[in-house]
C-alpha atoms as a PDB file:
ATOM      1  CA  MET A   1      58.351 -29.428 -48.032  1.00  0.00           C
ATOM      2  CA  LYS A   2      55.122 -31.376 -49.675  1.00  0.00           C
ATOM      3  CA  LEU A   3      55.667 -35.111 -50.266  1.00  0.00           C
ATOM      4  CA  GLN A   4      55.654 -36.352 -53.653  1.00  0.00           C
ATOM      5  CA  VAL A   5      55.297 -40.466 -53.464  1.00  0.00           C
ATOM      6  CA  ILE A   6      56.141 -41.991 -56.813  1.00  0.00           C
ATOM      7  CA  TYR A   7      55.830 -45.650 -56.118  1.00  0.00           C
ATOM      8  CA  GLU A   8      54.394 -47.051 -52.780  1.00  0.00           C
ATOM      9  CA  ASP A   9      53.749 -50.421 -52.348  1.00  0.00           C
ATOM     10  CA  ASN A  10      54.125 -53.048 -49.124  1.00  0.00           C
ATOM     11  CA  HIS A  11      57.653 -53.783 -49.140  1.00  0.00           C
ATOM     12  CA  LEU A  12      59.103 -49.543 -50.680  1.00  0.00           C
ATOM     13  CA  ILE A  13      58.153 -46.533 -51.197  1.00  0.00           C
ATOM     14  CA  ALA A  14      60.042 -43.735 -53.838  1.00  0.00           C
ATOM     15  CA  VAL A  15      59.865 -40.175 -52.941  1.00  0.00           C
ATOM     16  CA  ASN A  16      60.765 -37.704 -55.787  1.00  0.00           C
ATOM     17  CA  LYS A  17      63.335 -35.373 -52.875  1.00  0.00           C
ATOM     18  CA  SER A  18      63.504 -31.586 -54.132  1.00  0.00           C
ATOM     19  CA  ALA A  19      66.749 -29.923 -53.542  1.00  0.00           C
ATOM     20  CA  GLY A  20      67.945 -28.896 -50.104  1.00  0.00           C
ATOM     21  CA  VAL A  21      66.434 -31.841 -48.192  1.00  0.00           C
ATOM     22  CA  LEU A  22      68.752 -34.308 -46.195  1.00  0.00           C
ATOM     23  CA  VAL A  23      67.167 -37.851 -47.110  1.00  0.00           C
ATOM     24  CA  GLN A  24      68.778 -39.054 -43.511  1.00  0.00           C
ATOM     25  CA  GLY A  25      69.223 -36.385 -40.230  1.00  0.00           C
ATOM     26  CA  ASP A  26      72.655 -35.285 -39.752  1.00  0.00           C
ATOM     27  CA  GLU A  27      74.272 -33.265 -36.917  1.00  0.00           C
ATOM     28  CA  THR A  28      71.999 -30.091 -38.416  1.00  0.00           C
ATOM     29  CA  GLY A  29      68.882 -31.169 -36.631  1.00  0.00           C
ATOM     30  CA  ASP A  30      67.579 -30.391 -40.184  1.00  0.00           C
ATOM     31  CA  ARG A  31      63.917 -32.426 -40.628  1.00  0.00           C
ATOM     32  CA  SER A  32      65.150 -34.774 -42.872  1.00  0.00           C
ATOM     33  CA  LEU A  33      63.190 -37.047 -45.799  1.00  0.00           C
ATOM     34  CA  ASP A  34      62.879 -40.223 -43.710  1.00  0.00           C
ATOM     35  CA  ASP A  35      61.531 -38.894 -40.909  1.00  0.00           C
ATOM     36  CA  MET A  36      58.485 -36.831 -43.469  1.00  0.00           C
ATOM     37  CA  VAL A  37      58.052 -40.832 -45.344  1.00  0.00           C
ATOM     38  CA  LYS A  38      57.301 -42.155 -41.933  1.00  0.00           C
ATOM     39  CA  GLU A  39      54.759 -39.497 -40.860  1.00  0.00           C
ATOM     40  CA  TYR A  40      53.020 -40.594 -43.951  1.00  0.00           C
ATOM     41  CA  ILE A  41      53.406 -44.183 -43.707  1.00  0.00           C
ATOM     42  CA  LYS A  42      52.141 -43.102 -40.192  1.00  0.00           C
ATOM     43  CA  ILE A  43      48.862 -41.157 -41.178  1.00  0.00           C
ATOM     44  CA  ARG A  44      47.952 -42.813 -44.333  1.00  0.00           C
ATOM     45  CA  TYR A  45      47.917 -46.346 -42.856  1.00  0.00           C
ATOM     46  CA  GLN A  46      47.303 -45.302 -39.426  1.00  0.00           C
ATOM     47  CA  LYS A  47      50.052 -47.126 -37.780  1.00  0.00           C
ATOM     48  CA  PRO A  48      50.074 -47.169 -34.046  1.00  0.00           C
ATOM     49  CA  GLY A  49      53.893 -46.799 -32.371  1.00  0.00           C
ATOM     50  CA  ASP A  50      57.404 -46.322 -34.582  1.00  0.00           C
ATOM     51  CA  VAL A  51      56.904 -46.660 -38.120  1.00  0.00           C
ATOM     52  CA  PHE A  52      59.917 -49.019 -39.543  1.00  0.00           C
ATOM     53  CA  LEU A  53      61.519 -47.147 -42.825  1.00  0.00           C
ATOM     54  CA  GLY A  54      65.179 -48.448 -44.036  1.00  0.00           C
ATOM     55  CA  VAL A  55      67.120 -46.231 -46.200  1.00  0.00           C
ATOM     56  CA  CYS A  56      68.365 -47.789 -49.368  1.00  0.00           C
ATOM     57  CA  HIS A  57      70.557 -45.106 -50.648  1.00  0.00           C
ATOM     58  CA  ARG A  58      71.242 -41.198 -50.155  1.00  0.00           C
ATOM     59  CA  ILE A  59      71.687 -38.750 -53.043  1.00  0.00           C
ATOM     60  CA  ASP A  60      72.849 -35.327 -52.077  1.00  0.00           C
ATOM     61  CA  ARG A  61      71.533 -32.452 -50.140  1.00  0.00           C
ATOM     62  CA  PRO A  62      71.666 -30.310 -53.057  1.00  0.00           C
ATOM     63  CA  VAL A  63      70.137 -32.868 -55.715  1.00  0.00           C
ATOM     64  CA  SER A  64      67.000 -33.912 -56.686  1.00  0.00           C
ATOM     65  CA  GLY A  65      64.910 -36.912 -57.797  1.00  0.00           C
ATOM     66  CA  ALA A  66      64.500 -40.346 -56.844  1.00  0.00           C
ATOM     67  CA  VAL A  67      65.239 -41.929 -53.492  1.00  0.00           C
ATOM     68  CA  ILE A  68      63.578 -45.484 -52.539  1.00  0.00           C
ATOM     69  CA  PHE A  69      63.501 -46.769 -49.053  1.00  0.00           C
ATOM     70  CA  ALA A  70      62.173 -50.007 -48.010  1.00  0.00           C
ATOM     71  CA  ARG A  71      58.997 -50.770 -45.551  1.00  0.00           C
ATOM     72  CA  THR A  72      59.976 -54.057 -44.102  1.00  0.00           C
ATOM     73  CA  SER A  73      63.593 -55.436 -42.860  1.00  0.00           C
ATOM     74  CA  LYS A  74      63.531 -58.247 -45.926  1.00  0.00           C
ATOM     75  CA  ALA A  75      63.365 -55.603 -48.466  1.00  0.00           C
ATOM     76  CA  LEU A  76      66.027 -53.180 -46.888  1.00  0.00           C
ATOM     77  CA  GLU A  77      68.243 -56.099 -46.755  1.00  0.00           C
ATOM     78  CA  ARG A  78      67.536 -57.696 -50.475  1.00  0.00           C
ATOM     79  CA  MET A  79      67.607 -53.844 -51.500  1.00  0.00           C
ATOM     80  CA  ASN A  80      70.738 -52.964 -50.202  1.00  0.00           C
ATOM     81  CA  LYS A  81      72.390 -56.236 -51.703  1.00  0.00           C
ATOM     82  CA  LEU A  82      71.018 -54.841 -54.976  1.00  0.00           C
ATOM     83  CA  PHE A  83      72.698 -51.829 -54.399  1.00  0.00           C
ATOM     84  CA  ALA A  84      76.251 -53.128 -53.660  1.00  0.00           C
ATOM     85  CA  ASP A  85      75.811 -55.544 -56.743  1.00  0.00           C
ATOM     86  CA  ARG A  86      75.336 -52.214 -58.873  1.00  0.00           C
ATOM     87  CA  LEU A  87      71.989 -54.495 -60.123  1.00  0.00           C
ATOM     88  CA  VAL A  88      69.806 -50.893 -59.826  1.00  0.00           C
ATOM     89  CA  ASP A  89      70.685 -49.371 -63.120  1.00  0.00           C
ATOM     90  CA  LYS A  90      70.568 -45.498 -62.174  1.00  0.00           C
ATOM     91  CA  LYS A  91      70.070 -42.718 -64.541  1.00  0.00           C
ATOM     92  CA  TYR A  92      70.929 -38.891 -63.553  1.00  0.00           C
ATOM     93  CA  TRP A  93      70.384 -35.900 -65.362  1.00  0.00           C
ATOM     94  CA  ALA A  94      72.503 -33.030 -65.373  1.00  0.00           C
ATOM     95  CA  ILE A  95      72.496 -29.615 -66.844  1.00  0.00           C
ATOM     96  CA  VAL A  96      76.053 -28.559 -67.473  1.00  0.00           C
ATOM     97  CA  ASN A  97      77.879 -25.180 -68.484  1.00  0.00           C
ATOM     98  CA  GLU A  98      80.385 -26.775 -71.302  1.00  0.00           C
ATOM     99  CA  ARG A  99      79.619 -29.438 -73.891  1.00  0.00           C
ATOM    100  CA  PRO A 100      81.375 -32.281 -73.104  1.00  0.00           C
ATOM    101  CA  ASP A 101      83.946 -33.328 -75.060  1.00  0.00           C
ATOM    102  CA  PRO A 102      83.779 -36.024 -76.759  1.00  0.00           C
ATOM    103  CA  LEU A 103      80.170 -36.117 -76.616  1.00  0.00           C
ATOM    104  CA  SER A 104      79.280 -39.272 -74.883  1.00  0.00           C
ATOM    105  CA  GLY A 105      81.719 -41.754 -73.358  1.00  0.00           C
ATOM    106  CA  LYS A 106      82.851 -43.476 -70.464  1.00  0.00           C
ATOM    107  CA  LEU A 107      85.028 -42.028 -67.238  1.00  0.00           C
ATOM    108  CA  ILE A 108      87.292 -43.919 -64.894  1.00  0.00           C
ATOM    109  CA  ASN A 109      89.092 -42.505 -62.332  1.00  0.00           C
ATOM    110  CA  TYR A 110      90.255 -42.965 -58.512  1.00  0.00           C
ATOM    111  CA  LEU A 111      88.078 -40.426 -56.016  1.00  0.00           C
ATOM    112  CA  ASP A 112      89.533 -39.710 -52.751  1.00  0.00           C
ATOM    113  CA  LYS A 113      87.103 -38.044 -50.068  1.00  0.00           C
ATOM    114  CA  ASP A 114      88.171 -35.211 -48.324  1.00  0.00           C
ATOM    115  CA  ARG A 115      85.411 -35.636 -45.195  1.00  0.00           C
ATOM    116  CA  GLU A 116      86.827 -32.038 -43.591  1.00  0.00           C
ATOM    117  CA  ARG A 117      85.744 -30.481 -46.484  1.00  0.00           C
ATOM    118  CA  ASN A 118      83.731 -32.249 -47.152  1.00  0.00           C
ATOM    119  CA  ILE A 119      84.930 -32.756 -51.017  1.00  0.00           C
ATOM    120  CA  THR A 120      86.135 -35.477 -53.302  1.00  0.00           C
ATOM    121  CA  LYS A 121      88.798 -35.129 -55.169  1.00  0.00           C
ATOM    122  CA  VAL A 122      89.714 -36.910 -59.019  1.00  0.00           C
ATOM    123  CA  LEU A 123      92.627 -38.501 -58.700  1.00  0.00           C
ATOM    124  CA  GLU A 124      95.315 -40.015 -61.830  1.00  0.00           C
ATOM    125  CA  GLY A 125      95.702 -43.398 -60.154  1.00  0.00           C
ATOM    126  CA  LYS A 126      95.480 -44.676 -56.577  1.00  0.00           C
ATOM    127  CA  SER A 127      98.802 -43.977 -54.686  1.00  0.00           C
ATOM    128  CA  ARG A 128     100.583 -44.529 -51.127  1.00  0.00           C
ATOM    129  CA  ARG A 129      99.275 -41.081 -50.780  1.00  0.00           C
ATOM    130  CA  HIS A 130      96.082 -41.870 -51.373  1.00  0.00           C
ATOM    131  CA  PRO A 131      95.638 -45.149 -49.719  1.00  0.00           C
ATOM    132  CA  ASP A 132      91.562 -45.056 -49.489  1.00  0.00           C
ATOM    133  CA  ALA A 133      91.024 -43.980 -53.107  1.00  0.00           C
ATOM    134  CA  LYS A 134      88.186 -45.404 -54.698  1.00  0.00           C
ATOM    135  CA  LEU A 135      87.421 -46.903 -57.698  1.00  0.00           C
ATOM    136  CA  ALA A 136      84.438 -44.440 -59.714  1.00  0.00           C
ATOM    137  CA  GLU A 137      83.484 -45.382 -63.316  1.00  0.00           C
ATOM    138  CA  LEU A 138      79.759 -43.524 -64.869  1.00  0.00           C
ATOM    139  CA  ASP A 139      78.931 -43.355 -68.633  1.00  0.00           C
ATOM    140  CA  TYR A 140      77.536 -40.070 -70.052  1.00  0.00           C
ATOM    141  CA  GLU A 141      75.885 -38.743 -73.278  1.00  0.00           C
ATOM    142  CA  LEU A 142      74.595 -35.125 -74.372  1.00  0.00           C
ATOM    143  CA  ILE A 143      71.192 -35.205 -75.192  1.00  0.00           C
ATOM    144  CA  ALA A 144      70.321 -31.739 -75.595  1.00  0.00           C
ATOM    145  CA  SER A 145      71.674 -28.170 -75.816  1.00  0.00           C
ATOM    146  CA  MET A 146      70.099 -24.977 -75.550  1.00  0.00           C
ATOM    147  CA  GLY A 147      72.925 -22.314 -75.691  1.00  0.00           C
ATOM    148  CA  ASN A 148      75.152 -22.198 -73.507  1.00  0.00           C
ATOM    149  CA  GLN A 149      73.753 -24.663 -71.230  1.00  0.00           C
ATOM    150  CA  HIS A 150      73.730 -28.314 -72.321  1.00  0.00           C
ATOM    151  CA  LEU A 151      71.709 -31.774 -70.432  1.00  0.00           C
ATOM    152  CA  LEU A 152      73.708 -34.869 -70.027  1.00  0.00           C
ATOM    153  CA  GLU A 153      72.334 -38.093 -69.065  1.00  0.00           C
ATOM    154  CA  VAL A 154      74.128 -40.179 -66.670  1.00  0.00           C
ATOM    155  CA  GLN A 155      74.546 -43.314 -65.772  1.00  0.00           C
ATOM    156  CA  PRO A 156      76.913 -44.051 -62.444  1.00  0.00           C
ATOM    157  CA  THR A 157      78.318 -47.710 -61.999  1.00  0.00           C
ATOM    158  CA  THR A 158      79.866 -47.022 -58.891  1.00  0.00           C
ATOM    159  CA  GLY A 159      78.300 -45.128 -56.346  1.00  0.00           C
ATOM    160  CA  ARG A 160      80.946 -42.736 -54.813  1.00  0.00           C
ATOM    161  CA  SER A 161      80.458 -39.867 -52.928  1.00  0.00           C
ATOM    162  CA  HIS A 162      79.608 -36.776 -55.052  1.00  0.00           C
ATOM    163  CA  GLN A 163      80.621 -38.841 -57.960  1.00  0.00           C
ATOM    164  CA  ILE A 164      78.873 -37.480 -60.510  1.00  0.00           C
ATOM    165  CA  ARG A 165      79.674 -33.907 -59.536  1.00  0.00           C
ATOM    166  CA  ALA A 166      83.453 -34.446 -58.614  1.00  0.00           C
ATOM    167  CA  GLN A 167      83.647 -36.717 -62.411  1.00  0.00           C
ATOM    168  CA  LEU A 168      82.283 -34.070 -64.564  1.00  0.00           C
ATOM    169  CA  ALA A 169      83.671 -31.240 -63.328  1.00  0.00           C
ATOM    170  CA  ASN A 170      87.376 -33.552 -63.737  1.00  0.00           C
ATOM    171  CA  ILE A 171      86.506 -32.800 -67.692  1.00  0.00           C
ATOM    172  CA  GLY A 172      85.230 -29.329 -67.266  1.00  0.00           C
ATOM    173  CA  CYS A 173      81.417 -30.268 -67.581  1.00  0.00           C
ATOM    174  CA  ARG A 174      80.537 -27.872 -64.122  1.00  0.00           C
ATOM    175  CA  ILE A 175      76.945 -28.712 -63.167  1.00  0.00           C
ATOM    176  CA  ARG A 176      74.870 -25.677 -62.960  1.00  0.00           C
ATOM    177  CA  GLY A 177      74.906 -24.560 -59.435  1.00  0.00           C
ATOM    178  CA  ASP A 178      77.449 -26.334 -58.295  1.00  0.00           C
ATOM    179  CA  VAL A 179      80.526 -23.961 -56.664  1.00  0.00           C
ATOM    180  CA  LYS A 180      81.535 -26.289 -54.401  1.00  0.00           C
ATOM    181  CA  TYR A 181      83.171 -27.799 -57.940  1.00  0.00           C
ATOM    182  CA  GLY A 182      84.103 -24.975 -59.876  1.00  0.00           C
ATOM    183  CA  ALA A 183      80.819 -23.747 -61.097  1.00  0.00           C
ATOM    184  CA  PRO A 184      81.014 -19.734 -61.230  1.00  0.00           C
ATOM    185  CA  LYS A 185      77.876 -18.810 -59.160  1.00  0.00           C
ATOM    186  CA  ALA A 186      75.507 -20.760 -56.696  1.00  0.00           C
ATOM    187  CA  ASN A 187      71.525 -21.028 -57.925  1.00  0.00           C
ATOM    188  CA  LYS A 188      69.350 -18.926 -55.818  1.00  0.00           C
ATOM    189  CA  ASP A 189      67.777 -21.415 -54.031  1.00  0.00           C
ATOM    190  CA  GLY A 190      70.642 -23.164 -53.187  1.00  0.00           C
ATOM    191  CA  SER A 191      70.612 -26.805 -55.739  1.00  0.00           C
ATOM    192  CA  ILE A 192      72.397 -27.656 -58.332  1.00  0.00           C
ATOM    193  CA  CYS A 193      71.069 -28.923 -61.616  1.00  0.00           C
ATOM    194  CA  LEU A 194      71.660 -32.756 -60.833  1.00  0.00           C
ATOM    195  CA  HIS A 195      68.697 -35.003 -60.746  1.00  0.00           C
ATOM    196  CA  CYS A 196      68.321 -38.181 -60.611  1.00  0.00           C
ATOM    197  CA  ARG A 197      65.785 -39.078 -62.742  1.00  0.00           C
ATOM    198  CA  SER A 198      65.176 -43.166 -62.378  1.00  0.00           C
ATOM    199  CA  MET A 199      65.851 -46.120 -61.030  1.00  0.00           C
ATOM    200  CA  THR A 200      65.662 -49.997 -62.789  1.00  0.00           C
ATOM    201  CA  PHE A 201      65.929 -52.916 -61.093  1.00  0.00           C
ATOM    202  CA  VAL A 202      64.298 -55.857 -60.139  1.00  0.00           C
ATOM    203  CA  HIS A 203      61.639 -55.815 -57.487  1.00  0.00           C
ATOM    204  CA  PRO A 204      63.047 -57.299 -53.888  1.00  0.00           C
ATOM    205  CA  VAL A 205      60.017 -59.583 -53.194  1.00  0.00           C
ATOM    206  CA  SER A 206      57.527 -59.855 -56.177  1.00  0.00           C
ATOM    207  CA  LYS A 207      61.194 -60.178 -58.587  1.00  0.00           C
ATOM    208  CA  THR A 208      59.423 -58.315 -61.685  1.00  0.00           C
ATOM    209  CA  GLU A 209      61.458 -55.141 -63.251  1.00  0.00           C
ATOM    210  CA  ILE A 210      60.134 -51.891 -62.179  1.00  0.00           C
ATOM    211  CA  THR A 211      61.194 -48.740 -63.196  1.00  0.00           C
ATOM    212  CA  ILE A 212      60.413 -45.735 -60.707  1.00  0.00           C
ATOM    213  CA  ALA A 213      61.084 -42.263 -62.378  1.00  0.00           C
ATOM    214  CA  ALA A 214      60.804 -38.475 -60.741  1.00  0.00           C
ATOM    215  CA  ASP A 215      60.008 -35.319 -62.737  1.00  0.00           C
ATOM    216  CA  VAL A 216      62.888 -32.801 -62.904  1.00  0.00           C
ATOM    217  CA  PRO A 217      61.815 -29.530 -60.195  1.00  0.00           C
ATOM    218  CA  GLU A 218      59.240 -27.086 -61.546  1.00  0.00           C
ATOM    219  CA  ASP A 219      62.042 -24.697 -62.117  1.00  0.00           C
ATOM    220  CA  PRO A 220      62.905 -22.555 -65.276  1.00  0.00           C
ATOM    221  CA  ILE A 221      66.271 -23.614 -65.804  1.00  0.00           C
ATOM    222  CA  TRP A 222      64.689 -27.101 -66.316  1.00  0.00           C
ATOM    223  CA  HIS A 223      61.850 -26.048 -68.691  1.00  0.00           C
ATOM    224  CA  MET A 224      64.074 -24.904 -71.246  1.00  0.00           C
ATOM    225  CA  PHE A 225      64.546 -28.735 -71.954  1.00  0.00           C
ATOM    226  CA  ALA A 226      60.769 -29.398 -71.534  1.00  0.00           C
ATOM    227  CA  HIS A 227      60.887 -30.780 -75.421  1.00  0.00           C
ATOM    228  CA  ILE A 228      62.751 -34.074 -73.632  1.00  0.00           C
ATOM    229  CA  THR A 229      62.002 -33.630 -69.939  1.00  0.00           C
ATOM    230  CA  ASN A 230      58.392 -33.908 -69.918  1.00  0.00           C
END
């Protein structure tokens, strides 16, 4: 993967992640995005020894888009608080197989993560059977349609595991390629058509508002919506 840096200063660095790349290493041992960014910083700034890099948040492996890392411990601590306090305005784009009804709205559900199967279930409410279920909220809006493919803009308020994938599937709007949540077939490259388009927040050090935006993947399905995504 060629690293696509989309924002960089002394405190933060943001990358447009390709689908299929892990944000942080796991038991697979596959090369992860944080290792790639550390290598980039080490070479670019000729840093001896280990490079500090803090993971501020994650997006799923088959998802593309903006990922922010902290270059200092102070920035990491403050970015963690911004995410925890829901002060980062996140916008995702999703291509789904069904036109939502209504065309825009708010989804509020309880989600329960099945860790053995790595899948999130949407529940009617919290119950004794699912004491660890977490409240999940997002807003969605249809912004374009091309035939039977529909582009949604999604703004999650919470940051639950697989939240967008599970909540959209629950209303019949399965993300293209996301067979785990009921899409009829996988994408050839194993990706799903969910992209972290942008994040807006107050910079943890400079205290100015910034927006970090990531271009959609170079893929024909996304180019169908070029009049919107460019």
